[in-house]
Amino acid sequence: MKTKVNNRLFWYLKDGIEFDLENPSHVDMYVQQILSHGKAEDIQKMLEILPPEKFRKSFKRIRRFLRREVRRFWEAGLGDTGEDS
């Protein structure tokens, strides 16, 4: 599945770029940028697009790159303390 990038969040990419959400590196970039810089509606849209397990797997891969407050919020919400990593 492909999704167009939001230029407000992905200002550093060319207009019209799409993420291939079957590619884990694209998913990780998408999730990290939205969790770091997105508004509530951006996060809601992301959670509608991504299956829950794909989001969880991506979060586990990218959580160390998130600000502490953002990481802790999502760890608490997902019931994932991060102790296994």
PDB file of N, CA and C in Angstrom:
ATOM      1  N   MET A   1       0.846  -1.175   0.000  1.00  0.00           N
ATOM      2  CA  MET A   1       0.000   0.000   0.000  1.00  0.00           C
ATOM      3  C   MET A   1       0.893   1.242   0.000  1.00  0.00           C
ATOM      4  N   LYS A   2       0.502   2.228  -0.748  1.00  0.00           N
ATOM      5  CA  LYS A   2       1.251   3.482  -0.811  1.00  0.00           C
ATOM      6  C   LYS A   2       0.400   4.617  -0.254  1.00  0.00           C
ATOM      7  N   THR A   3       1.099   5.602   0.323  1.00  0.00           N
ATOM      8  CA  THR A   3       0.405   6.791   0.816  1.00  0.00           C
ATOM      9  C   THR A   3       1.244   8.009   0.484  1.00  0.00           C
ATOM     10  N   LYS A   4       0.561   9.071   0.068  1.00  0.00           N
ATOM     11  CA  LYS A   4       1.267  10.320  -0.234  1.00  0.00           C
ATOM     12  C   LYS A   4       1.717  10.980   1.056  1.00  0.00           C
ATOM     13  N   VAL A   5       2.867  11.625   0.983  1.00  0.00           N
ATOM     14  CA  VAL A   5       3.377  12.302   2.171  1.00  0.00           C
ATOM     15  C   VAL A   5       2.707  13.657   2.335  1.00  0.00           C
ATOM     16  N   ASN A   6       2.571  14.061   3.581  1.00  0.00           N
ATOM     17  CA  ASN A   6       2.043  15.372   3.918  1.00  0.00           C
ATOM     18  C   ASN A   6       3.225  16.346   3.911  1.00  0.00           C
ATOM     19  N   ASN A   7       3.190  17.326   3.039  1.00  0.00           N
ATOM     20  CA  ASN A   7       4.321  18.254   2.909  1.00  0.00           C
ATOM     21  C   ASN A   7       4.588  19.044   4.188  1.00  0.00           C
ATOM     22  N   ARG A   8       3.593  19.215   5.012  1.00  0.00           N
ATOM     23  CA  ARG A   8       3.787  19.917   6.278  1.00  0.00           C
ATOM     24  C   ARG A   8       4.698  19.112   7.204  1.00  0.00           C
ATOM     25  N   LEU A   9       4.578  17.793   7.164  1.00  0.00           N
ATOM     26  CA  LEU A   9       5.375  16.922   8.018  1.00  0.00           C
ATOM     27  C   LEU A   9       6.669  16.471   7.354  1.00  0.00           C
ATOM     28  N   PHE A  10       6.637  16.323   6.061  1.00  0.00           N
ATOM     29  CA  PHE A  10       7.796  15.821   5.320  1.00  0.00           C
ATOM     30  C   PHE A  10       8.307  16.897   4.364  1.00  0.00           C
ATOM     31  N   TRP A  11       8.591  18.062   4.906  1.00  0.00           N
ATOM     32  CA  TRP A  11       9.030  19.219   4.144  1.00  0.00           C
ATOM     33  C   TRP A  11      10.333  18.959   3.394  1.00  0.00           C
ATOM     34  N   TYR A  12      11.109  18.006   3.834  1.00  0.00           N
ATOM     35  CA  TYR A  12      12.432  17.729   3.268  1.00  0.00           C
ATOM     36  C   TYR A  12      12.372  16.773   2.074  1.00  0.00           C
ATOM     37  N   LEU A  13      11.189  16.274   1.734  1.00  0.00           N
ATOM     38  CA  LEU A  13      11.022  15.399   0.580  1.00  0.00           C
ATOM     39  C   LEU A  13      10.387  16.163  -0.569  1.00  0.00           C
ATOM     40  N   LYS A  14      10.634  15.703  -1.784  1.00  0.00           N
ATOM     41  CA  LYS A  14      10.046  16.329  -2.965  1.00  0.00           C
ATOM     42  C   LYS A  14       8.532  16.178  -2.952  1.00  0.00           C
ATOM     43  N   ASP A  15       7.844  17.155  -3.543  1.00  0.00           N
ATOM     44  CA  ASP A  15       6.388  17.075  -3.667  1.00  0.00           C
ATOM     45  C   ASP A  15       5.998  15.824  -4.443  1.00  0.00           C
ATOM     46  N   GLY A  16       4.907  15.208  -4.025  1.00  0.00           N
ATOM     47  CA  GLY A  16       4.364  14.058  -4.734  1.00  0.00           C
ATOM     48  C   GLY A  16       4.977  12.725  -4.351  1.00  0.00           C
ATOM     49  N   ILE A  17       5.921  12.719  -3.425  1.00  0.00           N
ATOM     50  CA  ILE A  17       6.546  11.467  -2.990  1.00  0.00           C
ATOM     51  C   ILE A  17       5.520  10.614  -2.256  1.00  0.00           C
ATOM     52  N   GLU A  18       5.588   9.323  -2.475  1.00  0.00           N
ATOM     53  CA  GLU A  18       4.722   8.376  -1.775  1.00  0.00           C
ATOM     54  C   GLU A  18       5.583   7.406  -0.973  1.00  0.00           C
ATOM     55  N   PHE A  19       5.069   7.007   0.181  1.00  0.00           N
ATOM     56  CA  PHE A  19       5.708   5.965   0.967  1.00  0.00           C
ATOM     57  C   PHE A  19       5.067   4.639   0.607  1.00  0.00           C
ATOM     58  N   ASP A  20       5.891   3.632   0.441  1.00  0.00           N
ATOM     59  CA  ASP A  20       5.425   2.266   0.242  1.00  0.00           C
ATOM     60  C   ASP A  20       5.335   1.632   1.624  1.00  0.00           C
ATOM     61  N   LEU A  21       4.149   1.488   2.138  1.00  0.00           N
ATOM     62  CA  LEU A  21       3.958   0.999   3.495  1.00  0.00           C
ATOM     63  C   LEU A  21       4.123  -0.511   3.613  1.00  0.00           C
ATOM     64  N   GLU A  22       4.597  -1.151   2.561  1.00  0.00           N
ATOM     65  CA  GLU A  22       5.034  -2.548   2.634  1.00  0.00           C
ATOM     66  C   GLU A  22       6.539  -2.608   2.904  1.00  0.00           C
ATOM     67  N   ASN A  23       7.222  -1.488   2.769  1.00  0.00           N
ATOM     68  CA  ASN A  23       8.667  -1.391   2.991  1.00  0.00           C
ATOM     69  C   ASN A  23       8.903  -0.931   4.435  1.00  0.00           C
ATOM     70  N   PRO A  24       9.516  -1.782   5.281  1.00  0.00           N
ATOM     71  CA  PRO A  24       9.705  -1.411   6.688  1.00  0.00           C
ATOM     72  C   PRO A  24      10.459  -0.093   6.899  1.00  0.00           C
ATOM     73  N   SER A  25      11.414   0.230   6.058  1.00  0.00           N
ATOM     74  CA  SER A  25      12.130   1.493   6.245  1.00  0.00           C
ATOM     75  C   SER A  25      11.233   2.695   5.955  1.00  0.00           C
ATOM     76  N   HIS A  26      10.315   2.562   5.006  1.00  0.00           N
ATOM     77  CA  HIS A  26       9.355   3.638   4.734  1.00  0.00           C
ATOM     78  C   HIS A  26       8.383   3.771   5.894  1.00  0.00           C
ATOM     79  N   VAL A  27       7.926   2.636   6.408  1.00  0.00           N
ATOM     80  CA  VAL A  27       7.007   2.653   7.554  1.00  0.00           C
ATOM     81  C   VAL A  27       7.685   3.334   8.737  1.00  0.00           C
ATOM     82  N   ASP A  28       8.938   2.988   8.994  1.00  0.00           N
ATOM     83  CA  ASP A  28       9.656   3.568  10.128  1.00  0.00           C
ATOM     84  C   ASP A  28       9.808   5.084   9.989  1.00  0.00           C
ATOM     85  N   MET A  29      10.147   5.555   8.798  1.00  0.00           N
ATOM     86  CA  MET A  29      10.286   6.997   8.578  1.00  0.00           C
ATOM     87  C   MET A  29       8.938   7.686   8.780  1.00  0.00           C
ATOM     88  N   TYR A  30       7.896   7.079   8.251  1.00  0.00           N
ATOM     89  CA  TYR A  30       6.539   7.609   8.354  1.00  0.00           C
ATOM     90  C   TYR A  30       6.107   7.706   9.814  1.00  0.00           C
ATOM     91  N   VAL A  31       6.269   6.624  10.567  1.00  0.00           N
ATOM     92  CA  VAL A  31       5.852   6.588  11.969  1.00  0.00           C
ATOM     93  C   VAL A  31       6.676   7.564  12.801  1.00  0.00           C
ATOM     94  N   GLN A  32       7.983   7.548  12.626  1.00  0.00           N
ATOM     95  CA  GLN A  32       8.833   8.426  13.429  1.00  0.00           C
ATOM     96  C   GLN A  32       8.503   9.891  13.206  1.00  0.00           C
ATOM     97  N   GLN A  33       8.333  10.292  11.978  1.00  0.00           N
ATOM     98  CA  GLN A  33       8.056  11.699  11.683  1.00  0.00           C
ATOM     99  C   GLN A  33       6.684  12.111  12.213  1.00  0.00           C
ATOM    100  N   ILE A  34       5.701  11.255  12.062  1.00  0.00           N
ATOM    101  CA  ILE A  34       4.357  11.600  12.534  1.00  0.00           C
ATOM    102  C   ILE A  34       4.310  11.646  14.056  1.00  0.00           C
ATOM    103  N   LEU A  35       4.931  10.680  14.738  1.00  0.00           N
ATOM    104  CA  LEU A  35       4.930  10.712  16.199  1.00  0.00           C
ATOM    105  C   LEU A  35       5.724  11.895  16.733  1.00  0.00           C
ATOM    106  N   SER A  36       6.754  12.300  16.024  1.00  0.00           N
ATOM    107  CA  SER A  36       7.604  13.409  16.477  1.00  0.00           C
ATOM    108  C   SER A  36       7.015  14.782  16.175  1.00  0.00           C
ATOM    109  N   HIS A  37       6.356  14.911  15.017  1.00  0.00           N
ATOM    110  CA  HIS A  37       5.947  16.243  14.563  1.00  0.00           C
ATOM    111  C   HIS A  37       4.473  16.374  14.195  1.00  0.00           C
ATOM    112  N   GLY A  38       3.731  15.270  14.247  1.00  0.00           N
ATOM    113  CA  GLY A  38       2.348  15.297  13.798  1.00  0.00           C
ATOM    114  C   GLY A  38       1.385  15.861  14.824  1.00  0.00           C
ATOM    115  N   LYS A  39       0.261  16.304  14.313  1.00  0.00           N
ATOM    116  CA  LYS A  39      -0.863  16.732  15.145  1.00  0.00           C
ATOM    117  C   LYS A  39      -1.728  15.510  15.421  1.00  0.00           C
ATOM    118  N   ALA A  40      -2.704  15.669  16.293  1.00  0.00           N
ATOM    119  CA  ALA A  40      -3.587  14.553  16.641  1.00  0.00           C
ATOM    120  C   ALA A  40      -4.232  13.946  15.400  1.00  0.00           C
ATOM    121  N   GLU A  41      -4.660  14.776  14.459  1.00  0.00           N
ATOM    122  CA  GLU A  41      -5.306  14.233  13.262  1.00  0.00           C
ATOM    123  C   GLU A  41      -4.324  13.472  12.375  1.00  0.00           C
ATOM    124  N   ASP A  42      -3.042  13.851  12.385  1.00  0.00           N
ATOM    125  CA  ASP A  42      -2.028  13.105  11.632  1.00  0.00           C
ATOM    126  C   ASP A  42      -1.835  11.717  12.241  1.00  0.00           C
ATOM    127  N   ILE A  43      -1.794  11.675  13.555  1.00  0.00           N
ATOM    128  CA  ILE A  43      -1.622  10.400  14.256  1.00  0.00           C
ATOM    129  C   ILE A  43      -2.843   9.518  14.042  1.00  0.00           C
ATOM    130  N   GLN A  44      -4.032  10.112  14.110  1.00  0.00           N
ATOM    131  CA  GLN A  44      -5.260   9.349  13.885  1.00  0.00           C
ATOM    132  C   GLN A  44      -5.268   8.741  12.483  1.00  0.00           C
ATOM    133  N   LYS A  45      -4.879   9.534  11.489  1.00  0.00           N
ATOM    134  CA  LYS A  45      -4.847   9.033  10.108  1.00  0.00           C
ATOM    135  C   LYS A  45      -3.834   7.895   9.983  1.00  0.00           C
ATOM    136  N   MET A  46      -2.655   8.056  10.605  1.00  0.00           N
ATOM    137  CA  MET A  46      -1.639   7.021  10.556  1.00  0.00           C
ATOM    138  C   MET A  46      -2.169   5.722  11.152  1.00  0.00           C
ATOM    139  N   LEU A  47      -2.855   5.828  12.289  1.00  0.00           N
ATOM    140  CA  LEU A  47      -3.377   4.639  12.955  1.00  0.00           C
ATOM    141  C   LEU A  47      -4.523   3.995  12.179  1.00  0.00           C
ATOM    142  N   GLU A  48      -5.202   4.763  11.340  1.00  0.00           N
ATOM    143  CA  GLU A  48      -6.232   4.203  10.464  1.00  0.00           C
ATOM    144  C   GLU A  48      -5.610   3.465   9.281  1.00  0.00           C
ATOM    145  N   ILE A  49      -4.472   3.967   8.817  1.00  0.00           N
ATOM    146  CA  ILE A  49      -3.805   3.393   7.641  1.00  0.00           C
ATOM    147  C   ILE A  49      -3.006   2.143   7.994  1.00  0.00           C
ATOM    148  N   LEU A  50      -2.239   2.217   9.077  1.00  0.00           N
ATOM    149  CA  LEU A  50      -1.356   1.113   9.446  1.00  0.00           C
ATOM    150  C   LEU A  50      -2.086   0.080  10.307  1.00  0.00           C
ATOM    151  N   PRO A  51      -1.933  -1.191   9.977  1.00  0.00           N
ATOM    152  CA  PRO A  51      -2.465  -2.221  10.877  1.00  0.00           C
ATOM    153  C   PRO A  51      -1.749  -2.135  12.230  1.00  0.00           C
ATOM    154  N   PRO A  52      -2.435  -2.446  13.318  1.00  0.00           N
ATOM    155  CA  PRO A  52      -1.842  -2.304  14.653  1.00  0.00           C
ATOM    156  C   PRO A  52      -0.503  -3.019  14.809  1.00  0.00           C
ATOM    157  N   GLU A  53      -0.383  -4.227  14.278  1.00  0.00           N
ATOM    158  CA  GLU A  53       0.873  -4.973  14.446  1.00  0.00           C
ATOM    159  C   GLU A  53       2.024  -4.317  13.685  1.00  0.00           C
ATOM    160  N   LYS A  54       1.726  -3.753  12.525  1.00  0.00           N
ATOM    161  CA  LYS A  54       2.767  -3.062  11.756  1.00  0.00           C
ATOM    162  C   LYS A  54       3.234  -1.814  12.505  1.00  0.00           C
ATOM    163  N   PHE A  55       2.291  -1.107  13.137  1.00  0.00           N
ATOM    164  CA  PHE A  55       2.650   0.063  13.937  1.00  0.00           C
ATOM    165  C   PHE A  55       3.524  -0.350  15.126  1.00  0.00           C
ATOM    166  N   ARG A  56       3.129  -1.395  15.826  1.00  0.00           N
ATOM    167  CA  ARG A  56       3.894  -1.868  17.001  1.00  0.00           C
ATOM    168  C   ARG A  56       5.319  -2.265  16.609  1.00  0.00           C
ATOM    169  N   LYS A  57       5.459  -3.006  15.523  1.00  0.00           N
ATOM    170  CA  LYS A  57       6.791  -3.427  15.078  1.00  0.00           C
ATOM    171  C   LYS A  57       7.641  -2.222  14.718  1.00  0.00           C
ATOM    172  N   SER A  58       7.063  -1.270  14.024  1.00  0.00           N
ATOM    173  CA  SER A  58       7.798  -0.067  13.668  1.00  0.00           C
ATOM    174  C   SER A  58       8.184   0.715  14.913  1.00  0.00           C
ATOM    175  N   PHE A  59       7.253   0.852  15.847  1.00  0.00           N
ATOM    176  CA  PHE A  59       7.546   1.581  17.076  1.00  0.00           C
ATOM    177  C   PHE A  59       8.726   0.956  17.813  1.00  0.00           C
ATOM    178  N   LYS A  60       8.771  -0.359  17.877  1.00  0.00           N
ATOM    179  CA  LYS A  60       9.893  -1.034  18.546  1.00  0.00           C
ATOM    180  C   LYS A  60      11.225  -0.701  17.863  1.00  0.00           C
ATOM    181  N   ARG A  61      11.202  -0.569  16.543  1.00  0.00           N
ATOM    182  CA  ARG A  61      12.442  -0.267  15.816  1.00  0.00           C
ATOM    183  C   ARG A  61      12.869   1.185  15.974  1.00  0.00           C
ATOM    184  N   ILE A  62      11.907   2.104  16.071  1.00  0.00           N
ATOM    185  CA  ILE A  62      12.256   3.540  16.036  1.00  0.00           C
ATOM    186  C   ILE A  62      12.213   4.226  17.390  1.00  0.00           C
ATOM    187  N   ARG A  63      11.734   3.568  18.424  1.00  0.00           N
ATOM    188  CA  ARG A  63      11.504   4.266  19.694  1.00  0.00           C
ATOM    189  C   ARG A  63      12.746   4.941  20.248  1.00  0.00           C
ATOM    190  N   ARG A  64      13.918   4.381  20.005  1.00  0.00           N
ATOM    191  CA  ARG A  64      15.137   4.999  20.549  1.00  0.00           C
ATOM    192  C   ARG A  64      15.449   6.342  19.888  1.00  0.00           C
ATOM    193  N   PHE A  65      14.821   6.625  18.754  1.00  0.00           N
ATOM    194  CA  PHE A  65      15.042   7.885  18.054  1.00  0.00           C
ATOM    195  C   PHE A  65      14.036   8.970  18.450  1.00  0.00           C
ATOM    196  N   LEU A  66      13.043   8.608  19.240  1.00  0.00           N
ATOM    197  CA  LEU A  66      12.012   9.561  19.659  1.00  0.00           C
ATOM    198  C   LEU A  66      12.449  10.306  20.914  1.00  0.00           C
ATOM    199  N   ARG A  67      11.941  11.523  21.067  1.00  0.00           N
ATOM    200  CA  ARG A  67      12.175  12.249  22.321  1.00  0.00           C
ATOM    201  C   ARG A  67      11.621  11.421  23.465  1.00  0.00           C
ATOM    202  N   ARG A  68      12.249  11.527  24.599  1.00  0.00           N
ATOM    203  CA  ARG A  68      11.893  10.715  25.763  1.00  0.00           C
ATOM    204  C   ARG A  68      10.407  10.811  26.091  1.00  0.00           C
ATOM    205  N   GLU A  69       9.852  12.026  26.083  1.00  0.00           N
ATOM    206  CA  GLU A  69       8.449  12.212  26.451  1.00  0.00           C
ATOM    207  C   GLU A  69       7.522  11.501  25.474  1.00  0.00           C
ATOM    208  N   VAL A  70       7.842  11.602  24.194  1.00  0.00           N
ATOM    209  CA  VAL A  70       7.026  10.959  23.165  1.00  0.00           C
ATOM    210  C   VAL A  70       7.132   9.446  23.308  1.00  0.00           C
ATOM    211  N   ARG A  71       8.354   8.959  23.467  1.00  0.00           N
ATOM    212  CA  ARG A  71       8.576   7.524  23.613  1.00  0.00           C
ATOM    213  C   ARG A  71       7.823   6.963  24.822  1.00  0.00           C
ATOM    214  N   ARG A  72       7.941   7.628  25.955  1.00  0.00           N
ATOM    215  CA  ARG A  72       7.276   7.140  27.172  1.00  0.00           C
ATOM    216  C   ARG A  72       5.758   7.154  27.041  1.00  0.00           C
ATOM    217  N   PHE A  73       5.220   8.187  26.393  1.00  0.00           N
ATOM    218  CA  PHE A  73       3.777   8.262  26.180  1.00  0.00           C
ATOM    219  C   PHE A  73       3.297   7.039  25.400  1.00  0.00           C
ATOM    220  N   TRP A  74       3.979   6.718  24.305  1.00  0.00           N
ATOM    221  CA  TRP A  74       3.554   5.603  23.470  1.00  0.00           C
ATOM    222  C   TRP A  74       3.854   4.266  24.117  1.00  0.00           C
ATOM    223  N   GLU A  75       4.940   4.164  24.854  1.00  0.00           N
ATOM    224  CA  GLU A  75       5.216   2.926  25.576  1.00  0.00           C
ATOM    225  C   GLU A  75       4.103   2.644  26.588  1.00  0.00           C
ATOM    226  N   ALA A  76       3.689   3.684  27.299  1.00  0.00           N
ATOM    227  CA  ALA A  76       2.601   3.519  28.272  1.00  0.00           C
ATOM    228  C   ALA A  76       1.306   3.144  27.561  1.00  0.00           C
ATOM    229  N   GLY A  77       1.012   3.806  26.468  1.00  0.00           N
ATOM    230  CA  GLY A  77      -0.216   3.533  25.737  1.00  0.00           C
ATOM    231  C   GLY A  77      -0.261   2.147  25.130  1.00  0.00           C
ATOM    232  N   LEU A  78       0.900   1.660  24.710  1.00  0.00           N
ATOM    233  CA  LEU A  78       0.974   0.328  24.100  1.00  0.00           C
ATOM    234  C   LEU A  78       1.207  -0.764  25.144  1.00  0.00           C
ATOM    235  N   GLY A  79       1.433  -0.355  26.402  1.00  0.00           N
ATOM    236  CA  GLY A  79       1.731  -1.339  27.428  1.00  0.00           C
ATOM    237  C   GLY A  79       3.083  -1.974  27.224  1.00  0.00           C
ATOM    238  N   ASP A  80       4.011  -1.190  26.687  1.00  0.00           N
ATOM    239  CA  ASP A  80       5.339  -1.677  26.336  1.00  0.00           C
ATOM    240  C   ASP A  80       6.374  -0.816  27.036  1.00  0.00           C
ATOM    241  N   THR A  81       7.025  -1.345  28.044  1.00  0.00           N
ATOM    242  CA  THR A  81       7.996  -0.567  28.813  1.00  0.00           C
ATOM    243  C   THR A  81       9.336  -0.439  28.120  1.00  0.00           C
ATOM    244  N   GLY A  82       9.556  -1.219  27.086  1.00  0.00           N
ATOM    245  CA  GLY A  82      10.825  -1.146  26.369  1.00  0.00           C
ATOM    246  C   GLY A  82      11.944  -1.897  27.046  1.00  0.00           C
ATOM    247  N   GLU A  83      11.636  -2.671  28.069  1.00  0.00           N
ATOM    248  CA  GLU A  83      12.673  -3.364  28.823  1.00  0.00           C
ATOM    249  C   GLU A  83      13.346  -4.464  28.024  1.00  0.00           C
ATOM    250  N   ASP A  84      12.724  -4.936  26.951  1.00  0.00           N
ATOM    251  CA  ASP A  84      13.322  -6.003  26.164  1.00  0.00           C
ATOM    252  C   ASP A  84      14.318  -5.503  25.143  1.00  0.00           C
ATOM    253  N   SER A  85      14.516  -4.196  25.037  1.00  0.00           N
ATOM    254  CA  SER A  85      15.457  -3.695  24.038  1.00  0.00           C
ATOM    255  C   SER A  85      16.594  -2.950  24.677  1.00  0.00           C
TER     256      SER A  85
END
